[in-house]
Amino acid sequence: MGDAVIEQLDVGITTLEQRLLQLYKQAVDERHMDVAEQLLCALEQLAKSDLAGKDAVEEAYLWICCGRHPLDA
């Protein structure tokens, strides 16, 4: 991972769920579906014990199934 990507991750992102979700979205956008799958697994693992993780998993599924335009709640 390049330094520029690492710097982008540090700006305004405070939780592990948010960082994983950002990387997941990037992997999907760049069509690295094998990487995206692993990141989604990590998000799902976090969701087992954390409400924020559950929200991140929901957003990840919306990102891929709804054309990367999550629905407004």
PDB file of N, CA and C in Angstrom:
ATOM      1  N   MET A   1       0.849  -1.170   0.000  1.00  0.00           N
ATOM      2  CA  MET A   1       0.000   0.000   0.000  1.00  0.00           C
ATOM      3  C   MET A   1       0.893   1.230   0.000  1.00  0.00           C
ATOM      4  N   GLY A   2       0.629   2.173  -0.887  1.00  0.00           N
ATOM      5  CA  GLY A   2       1.455   3.351  -0.999  1.00  0.00           C
ATOM      6  C   GLY A   2       1.217   4.339   0.131  1.00  0.00           C
ATOM      7  N   ASP A   3       2.198   5.219   0.321  1.00  0.00           N
ATOM      8  CA  ASP A   3       2.101   6.222   1.377  1.00  0.00           C
ATOM      9  C   ASP A   3       0.902   7.134   1.184  1.00  0.00           C
ATOM     10  N   ALA A   4       0.572   7.469  -0.060  1.00  0.00           N
ATOM     11  CA  ALA A   4      -0.564   8.352  -0.322  1.00  0.00           C
ATOM     12  C   ALA A   4      -1.861   7.714   0.143  1.00  0.00           C
ATOM     13  N   VAL A   5      -2.010   6.418  -0.081  1.00  0.00           N
ATOM     14  CA  VAL A   5      -3.222   5.716   0.350  1.00  0.00           C
ATOM     15  C   VAL A   5      -3.279   5.681   1.865  1.00  0.00           C
ATOM     16  N   ILE A   6      -2.161   5.426   2.510  1.00  0.00           N
ATOM     17  CA  ILE A   6      -2.126   5.394   3.974  1.00  0.00           C
ATOM     18  C   ILE A   6      -2.487   6.761   4.533  1.00  0.00           C
ATOM     19  N   GLU A   7      -1.974   7.830   3.940  1.00  0.00           N
ATOM     20  CA  GLU A   7      -2.316   9.172   4.394  1.00  0.00           C
ATOM     21  C   GLU A   7      -3.799   9.438   4.226  1.00  0.00           C
ATOM     22  N   GLN A   8      -4.409   8.978   3.138  1.00  0.00           N
ATOM     23  CA  GLN A   8      -5.836   9.157   2.927  1.00  0.00           C
ATOM     24  C   GLN A   8      -6.628   8.438   3.998  1.00  0.00           C
ATOM     25  N   LEU A   9      -6.157   7.294   4.428  1.00  0.00           N
ATOM     26  CA  LEU A   9      -6.861   6.539   5.458  1.00  0.00           C
ATOM     27  C   LEU A   9      -6.848   7.262   6.792  1.00  0.00           C
ATOM     28  N   ASP A  10      -5.825   8.029   7.066  1.00  0.00           N
ATOM     29  CA  ASP A  10      -5.691   8.689   8.349  1.00  0.00           C
ATOM     30  C   ASP A  10      -6.536   9.946   8.464  1.00  0.00           C
ATOM     31  N   VAL A  11      -6.951  10.535   7.375  1.00  0.00           N
ATOM     32  CA  VAL A  11      -7.672  11.796   7.397  1.00  0.00           C
ATOM     33  C   VAL A  11      -9.151  11.556   7.698  1.00  0.00           C
ATOM     34  N   GLY A  12      -9.588  11.961   8.882  1.00  0.00           N
ATOM     35  CA  GLY A  12     -10.994  11.927   9.232  1.00  0.00           C
ATOM     36  C   GLY A  12     -11.572  10.559   9.519  1.00  0.00           C
ATOM     37  N   ILE A  13     -10.784   9.533   9.513  1.00  0.00           N
ATOM     38  CA  ILE A  13     -11.297   8.193   9.762  1.00  0.00           C
ATOM     39  C   ILE A  13     -10.755   7.732  11.107  1.00  0.00           C
ATOM     40  N   THR A  14     -11.667   7.392  12.008  1.00  0.00           N
ATOM     41  CA  THR A  14     -11.238   7.129  13.369  1.00  0.00           C
ATOM     42  C   THR A  14     -11.415   5.687  13.813  1.00  0.00           C
ATOM     43  N   THR A  15     -12.234   4.921  13.121  1.00  0.00           N
ATOM     44  CA  THR A  15     -12.472   3.556  13.589  1.00  0.00           C
ATOM     45  C   THR A  15     -11.974   2.529  12.584  1.00  0.00           C
ATOM     46  N   LEU A  16     -11.719   1.358  13.090  1.00  0.00           N
ATOM     47  CA  LEU A  16     -11.296   0.253  12.236  1.00  0.00           C
ATOM     48  C   LEU A  16     -12.359  -0.045  11.182  1.00  0.00           C
ATOM     49  N   GLU A  17     -13.632  -0.012  11.582  1.00  0.00           N
ATOM     50  CA  GLU A  17     -14.717  -0.275  10.638  1.00  0.00           C
ATOM     51  C   GLU A  17     -14.701   0.713   9.478  1.00  0.00           C
ATOM     52  N   GLN A  18     -14.482   1.992   9.797  1.00  0.00           N
ATOM     53  CA  GLN A  18     -14.458   3.017   8.753  1.00  0.00           C
ATOM     54  C   GLN A  18     -13.280   2.808   7.804  1.00  0.00           C
ATOM     55  N   ARG A  19     -12.144   2.455   8.355  1.00  0.00           N
ATOM     56  CA  ARG A  19     -10.967   2.222   7.516  1.00  0.00           C
ATOM     57  C   ARG A  19     -11.160   1.022   6.610  1.00  0.00           C
ATOM     58  N   LEU A  20     -11.681  -0.063   7.173  1.00  0.00           N
ATOM     59  CA  LEU A  20     -11.927  -1.263   6.356  1.00  0.00           C
ATOM     60  C   LEU A  20     -12.959  -0.978   5.276  1.00  0.00           C
ATOM     61  N   LEU A  21     -14.002  -0.230   5.628  1.00  0.00           N
ATOM     62  CA  LEU A  21     -15.039   0.100   4.651  1.00  0.00           C
ATOM     63  C   LEU A  21     -14.466   0.933   3.511  1.00  0.00           C
ATOM     64  N   GLN A  22     -13.611   1.883   3.834  1.00  0.00           N
ATOM     65  CA  GLN A  22     -12.994   2.702   2.781  1.00  0.00           C
ATOM     66  C   GLN A  22     -12.146   1.838   1.855  1.00  0.00           C
ATOM     67  N   LEU A  23     -11.366   0.943   2.427  1.00  0.00           N
ATOM     68  CA  LEU A  23     -10.555   0.049   1.605  1.00  0.00           C
ATOM     69  C   LEU A  23     -11.427  -0.887   0.777  1.00  0.00           C
ATOM     70  N   TYR A  24     -12.521  -1.369   1.353  1.00  0.00           N
ATOM     71  CA  TYR A  24     -13.459  -2.227   0.628  1.00  0.00           C
ATOM     72  C   TYR A  24     -14.009  -1.501  -0.602  1.00  0.00           C
ATOM     73  N   LYS A  25     -14.451  -0.270  -0.402  1.00  0.00           N
ATOM     74  CA  LYS A  25     -15.006   0.511  -1.515  1.00  0.00           C
ATOM     75  C   LYS A  25     -13.959   0.721  -2.606  1.00  0.00           C
ATOM     76  N   GLN A  26     -12.737   0.992  -2.195  1.00  0.00           N
ATOM     77  CA  GLN A  26     -11.666   1.176  -3.173  1.00  0.00           C
ATOM     78  C   GLN A  26     -11.415  -0.115  -3.936  1.00  0.00           C
ATOM     79  N   ALA A  27     -11.392  -1.237  -3.234  1.00  0.00           N
ATOM     80  CA  ALA A  27     -11.165  -2.530  -3.890  1.00  0.00           C
ATOM     81  C   ALA A  27     -12.273  -2.832  -4.896  1.00  0.00           C
ATOM     82  N   VAL A  28     -13.517  -2.555  -4.528  1.00  0.00           N
ATOM     83  CA  VAL A  28     -14.641  -2.777  -5.458  1.00  0.00           C
ATOM     84  C   VAL A  28     -14.504  -1.864  -6.668  1.00  0.00           C
ATOM     85  N   ASP A  29     -14.229  -0.591  -6.428  1.00  0.00           N
ATOM     86  CA  ASP A  29     -14.100   0.371  -7.525  1.00  0.00           C
ATOM     87  C   ASP A  29     -12.986  -0.009  -8.496  1.00  0.00           C
ATOM     88  N   GLU A  30     -11.911  -0.578  -7.957  1.00  0.00           N
ATOM     89  CA  GLU A  30     -10.774  -0.963  -8.786  1.00  0.00           C
ATOM     90  C   GLU A  30     -10.876  -2.402  -9.275  1.00  0.00           C
ATOM     91  N   ARG A  31     -12.015  -3.023  -9.014  1.00  0.00           N
ATOM     92  CA  ARG A  31     -12.321  -4.375  -9.464  1.00  0.00           C
ATOM     93  C   ARG A  31     -11.347  -5.433  -8.931  1.00  0.00           C
ATOM     94  N   HIS A  32     -10.947  -5.258  -7.691  1.00  0.00           N
ATOM     95  CA  HIS A  32     -10.138  -6.261  -6.993  1.00  0.00           C
ATOM     96  C   HIS A  32     -11.079  -7.032  -6.069  1.00  0.00           C
ATOM     97  N   MET A  33     -11.926  -7.846  -6.688  1.00  0.00           N
ATOM     98  CA  MET A  33     -12.995  -8.487  -5.928  1.00  0.00           C
ATOM     99  C   MET A  33     -12.474  -9.504  -4.916  1.00  0.00           C
ATOM    100  N   ASP A  34     -11.329 -10.116  -5.178  1.00  0.00           N
ATOM    101  CA  ASP A  34     -10.770 -11.048  -4.202  1.00  0.00           C
ATOM    102  C   ASP A  34     -10.360 -10.313  -2.928  1.00  0.00           C
ATOM    103  N   VAL A  35      -9.815  -9.116  -3.086  1.00  0.00           N
ATOM    104  CA  VAL A  35      -9.445  -8.296  -1.935  1.00  0.00           C
ATOM    105  C   VAL A  35     -10.709  -7.785  -1.240  1.00  0.00           C
ATOM    106  N   ALA A  36     -11.675  -7.326  -2.023  1.00  0.00           N
ATOM    107  CA  ALA A  36     -12.927  -6.832  -1.455  1.00  0.00           C
ATOM    108  C   ALA A  36     -13.611  -7.907  -0.617  1.00  0.00           C
ATOM    109  N   GLU A  37     -13.576  -9.136  -1.090  1.00  0.00           N
ATOM    110  CA  GLU A  37     -14.192 -10.234  -0.347  1.00  0.00           C
ATOM    111  C   GLU A  37     -13.535 -10.412   1.022  1.00  0.00           C
ATOM    112  N   GLN A  38     -12.219 -10.329   1.066  1.00  0.00           N
ATOM    113  CA  GLN A  38     -11.510 -10.473   2.340  1.00  0.00           C
ATOM    114  C   GLN A  38     -11.831  -9.318   3.297  1.00  0.00           C
ATOM    115  N   LEU A  39     -11.924  -8.105   2.750  1.00  0.00           N
ATOM    116  CA  LEU A  39     -12.266  -6.955   3.574  1.00  0.00           C
ATOM    117  C   LEU A  39     -13.699  -7.056   4.093  1.00  0.00           C
ATOM    118  N   LEU A  40     -14.607  -7.564   3.260  1.00  0.00           N
ATOM    119  CA  LEU A  40     -15.984  -7.755   3.705  1.00  0.00           C
ATOM    120  C   LEU A  40     -16.042  -8.795   4.819  1.00  0.00           C
ATOM    121  N   CYS A  41     -15.253  -9.842   4.706  1.00  0.00           N
ATOM    122  CA  CYS A  41     -15.184 -10.859   5.777  1.00  0.00           C
ATOM    123  C   CYS A  41     -14.710 -10.220   7.080  1.00  0.00           C
ATOM    124  N   ALA A  42     -13.731  -9.337   6.994  1.00  0.00           N
ATOM    125  CA  ALA A  42     -13.235  -8.655   8.185  1.00  0.00           C
ATOM    126  C   ALA A  42     -14.323  -7.767   8.792  1.00  0.00           C
ATOM    127  N   LEU A  43     -15.056  -7.060   7.946  1.00  0.00           N
ATOM    128  CA  LEU A  43     -16.155  -6.235   8.434  1.00  0.00           C
ATOM    129  C   LEU A  43     -17.234  -7.087   9.100  1.00  0.00           C
ATOM    130  N   GLU A  44     -17.551  -8.206   8.498  1.00  0.00           N
ATOM    131  CA  GLU A  44     -18.561  -9.097   9.074  1.00  0.00           C
ATOM    132  C   GLU A  44     -18.094  -9.634  10.426  1.00  0.00           C
ATOM    133  N   GLN A  45     -16.826  -9.917  10.554  1.00  0.00           N
ATOM    134  CA  GLN A  45     -16.281 -10.407  11.824  1.00  0.00           C
ATOM    135  C   GLN A  45     -16.420  -9.336  12.905  1.00  0.00           C
ATOM    136  N   LEU A  46     -16.105  -8.091  12.577  1.00  0.00           N
ATOM    137  CA  LEU A  46     -16.259  -6.990  13.523  1.00  0.00           C
ATOM    138  C   LEU A  46     -17.720  -6.769  13.900  1.00  0.00           C
ATOM    139  N   ALA A  47     -18.620  -6.987  12.959  1.00  0.00           N
ATOM    140  CA  ALA A  47     -20.042  -6.751  13.191  1.00  0.00           C
ATOM    141  C   ALA A  47     -20.635  -7.704  14.223  1.00  0.00           C
ATOM    142  N   LYS A  48     -19.973  -8.803  14.469  1.00  0.00           N
ATOM    143  CA  LYS A  48     -20.484  -9.760  15.449  1.00  0.00           C
ATOM    144  C   LYS A  48     -20.521  -9.184  16.860  1.00  0.00           C
ATOM    145  N   SER A  49     -19.683  -8.182  17.111  1.00  0.00           N
ATOM    146  CA  SER A  49     -19.619  -7.643  18.465  1.00  0.00           C
ATOM    147  C   SER A  49     -19.737  -6.127  18.542  1.00  0.00           C
ATOM    148  N   ASP A  50     -20.033  -5.465  17.432  1.00  0.00           N
ATOM    149  CA  ASP A  50     -19.996  -4.010  17.419  1.00  0.00           C
ATOM    150  C   ASP A  50     -21.083  -3.462  16.495  1.00  0.00           C
ATOM    151  N   LEU A  51     -21.934  -2.589  17.035  1.00  0.00           N
ATOM    152  CA  LEU A  51     -23.006  -1.989  16.235  1.00  0.00           C
ATOM    153  C   LEU A  51     -22.447  -1.196  15.058  1.00  0.00           C
ATOM    154  N   ALA A  52     -21.360  -0.467  15.269  1.00  0.00           N
ATOM    155  CA  ALA A  52     -20.744   0.290  14.172  1.00  0.00           C
ATOM    156  C   ALA A  52     -20.299  -0.655  13.073  1.00  0.00           C
ATOM    157  N   GLY A  53     -19.846  -1.831  13.448  1.00  0.00           N
ATOM    158  CA  GLY A  53     -19.460  -2.831  12.461  1.00  0.00           C
ATOM    159  C   GLY A  53     -20.651  -3.296  11.646  1.00  0.00           C
ATOM    160  N   LYS A  54     -21.789  -3.429  12.289  1.00  0.00           N
ATOM    161  CA  LYS A  54     -23.011  -3.829  11.571  1.00  0.00           C
ATOM    162  C   LYS A  54     -23.404  -2.768  10.550  1.00  0.00           C
ATOM    163  N   ASP A  55     -23.289  -1.510  10.927  1.00  0.00           N
ATOM    164  CA  ASP A  55     -23.592  -0.422   9.990  1.00  0.00           C
ATOM    165  C   ASP A  55     -22.624  -0.427   8.809  1.00  0.00           C
ATOM    166  N   ALA A  56     -21.368  -0.703   9.081  1.00  0.00           N
ATOM    167  CA  ALA A  56     -20.360  -0.736   8.017  1.00  0.00           C
ATOM    168  C   ALA A  56     -20.630  -1.883   7.050  1.00  0.00           C
ATOM    169  N   VAL A  57     -21.041  -3.040   7.571  1.00  0.00           N
ATOM    170  CA  VAL A  57     -21.366  -4.183   6.713  1.00  0.00           C
ATOM    171  C   VAL A  57     -22.558  -3.835   5.830  1.00  0.00           C
ATOM    172  N   GLU A  58     -23.576  -3.209   6.417  1.00  0.00           N
ATOM    173  CA  GLU A  58     -24.751  -2.817   5.626  1.00  0.00           C
ATOM    174  C   GLU A  58     -24.352  -1.864   4.505  1.00  0.00           C
ATOM    175  N   GLU A  59     -23.525  -0.893   4.824  1.00  0.00           N
ATOM    176  CA  GLU A  59     -23.075   0.049   3.798  1.00  0.00           C
ATOM    177  C   GLU A  59     -22.247  -0.646   2.714  1.00  0.00           C
ATOM    178  N   ALA A  60     -21.435  -1.615   3.116  1.00  0.00           N
ATOM    179  CA  ALA A  60     -20.624  -2.357   2.145  1.00  0.00           C
ATOM    180  C   ALA A  60     -21.515  -3.121   1.169  1.00  0.00           C
ATOM    181  N   TYR A  61     -22.556  -3.773   1.681  1.00  0.00           N
ATOM    182  CA  TYR A  61     -23.465  -4.498   0.790  1.00  0.00           C
ATOM    183  C   TYR A  61     -24.210  -3.537  -0.134  1.00  0.00           C
ATOM    184  N   LEU A  62     -24.627  -2.398   0.396  1.00  0.00           N
ATOM    185  CA  LEU A  62     -25.292  -1.412  -0.452  1.00  0.00           C
ATOM    186  C   LEU A  62     -24.349  -0.884  -1.520  1.00  0.00           C
ATOM    187  N   TRP A  63     -23.087  -0.740  -1.176  1.00  0.00           N
ATOM    188  CA  TRP A  63     -22.088  -0.211  -2.116  1.00  0.00           C
ATOM    189  C   TRP A  63     -21.989  -1.091  -3.357  1.00  0.00           C
ATOM    190  N   ILE A  64     -22.012  -2.402  -3.150  1.00  0.00           N
ATOM    191  CA  ILE A  64     -21.833  -3.301  -4.292  1.00  0.00           C
ATOM    192  C   ILE A  64     -23.155  -3.620  -4.984  1.00  0.00           C
ATOM    193  N   CYS A  65     -24.233  -3.742  -4.237  1.00  0.00           N
ATOM    194  CA  CYS A  65     -25.490  -4.191  -4.862  1.00  0.00           C
ATOM    195  C   CYS A  65     -26.318  -3.054  -5.447  1.00  0.00           C
ATOM    196  N   CYS A  66     -26.063  -1.845  -5.018  1.00  0.00           N
ATOM    197  CA  CYS A  66     -26.882  -0.716  -5.482  1.00  0.00           C
ATOM    198  C   CYS A  66     -26.084   0.256  -6.339  1.00  0.00           C
ATOM    199  N   GLY A  67     -25.131  -0.262  -7.039  1.00  0.00           N
ATOM    200  CA  GLY A  67     -24.368   0.590  -7.933  1.00  0.00           C
ATOM    201  C   GLY A  67     -23.528   1.629  -7.231  1.00  0.00           C
ATOM    202  N   ARG A  68     -23.075   1.326  -6.004  1.00  0.00           N
ATOM    203  CA  ARG A  68     -22.229   2.221  -5.225  1.00  0.00           C
ATOM    204  C   ARG A  68     -22.913   3.536  -4.897  1.00  0.00           C
ATOM    205  N   HIS A  69     -24.252   3.474  -4.815  1.00  0.00           N
ATOM    206  CA  HIS A  69     -25.009   4.655  -4.390  1.00  0.00           C
ATOM    207  C   HIS A  69     -25.927   4.220  -3.263  1.00  0.00           C
ATOM    208  N   PRO A  70     -25.420   4.213  -2.015  1.00  0.00           N
ATOM    209  CA  PRO A  70     -26.246   3.760  -0.903  1.00  0.00           C
ATOM    210  C   PRO A  70     -27.544   4.534  -0.805  1.00  0.00           C
ATOM    211  N   LEU A  71     -28.579   3.859  -0.387  1.00  0.00           N
ATOM    212  CA  LEU A  71     -29.885   4.481  -0.207  1.00  0.00           C
ATOM    213  C   LEU A  71     -29.870   5.362   1.025  1.00  0.00           C
ATOM    214  N   ASP A  72     -30.564   6.475   0.957  1.00  0.00           N
ATOM    215  CA  ASP A  72     -30.683   7.327   2.145  1.00  0.00           C
ATOM    216  C   ASP A  72     -31.659   6.684   3.111  1.00  0.00           C
ATOM    217  N   ALA A  73     -31.283   6.679   4.368  1.00  0.00           N
ATOM    218  CA  ALA A  73     -32.149   6.069   5.380  1.00  0.00           C
ATOM    219  C   ALA A  73     -33.218   7.035   5.816  1.00  0.00           C
TER     220      ALA A  73
END
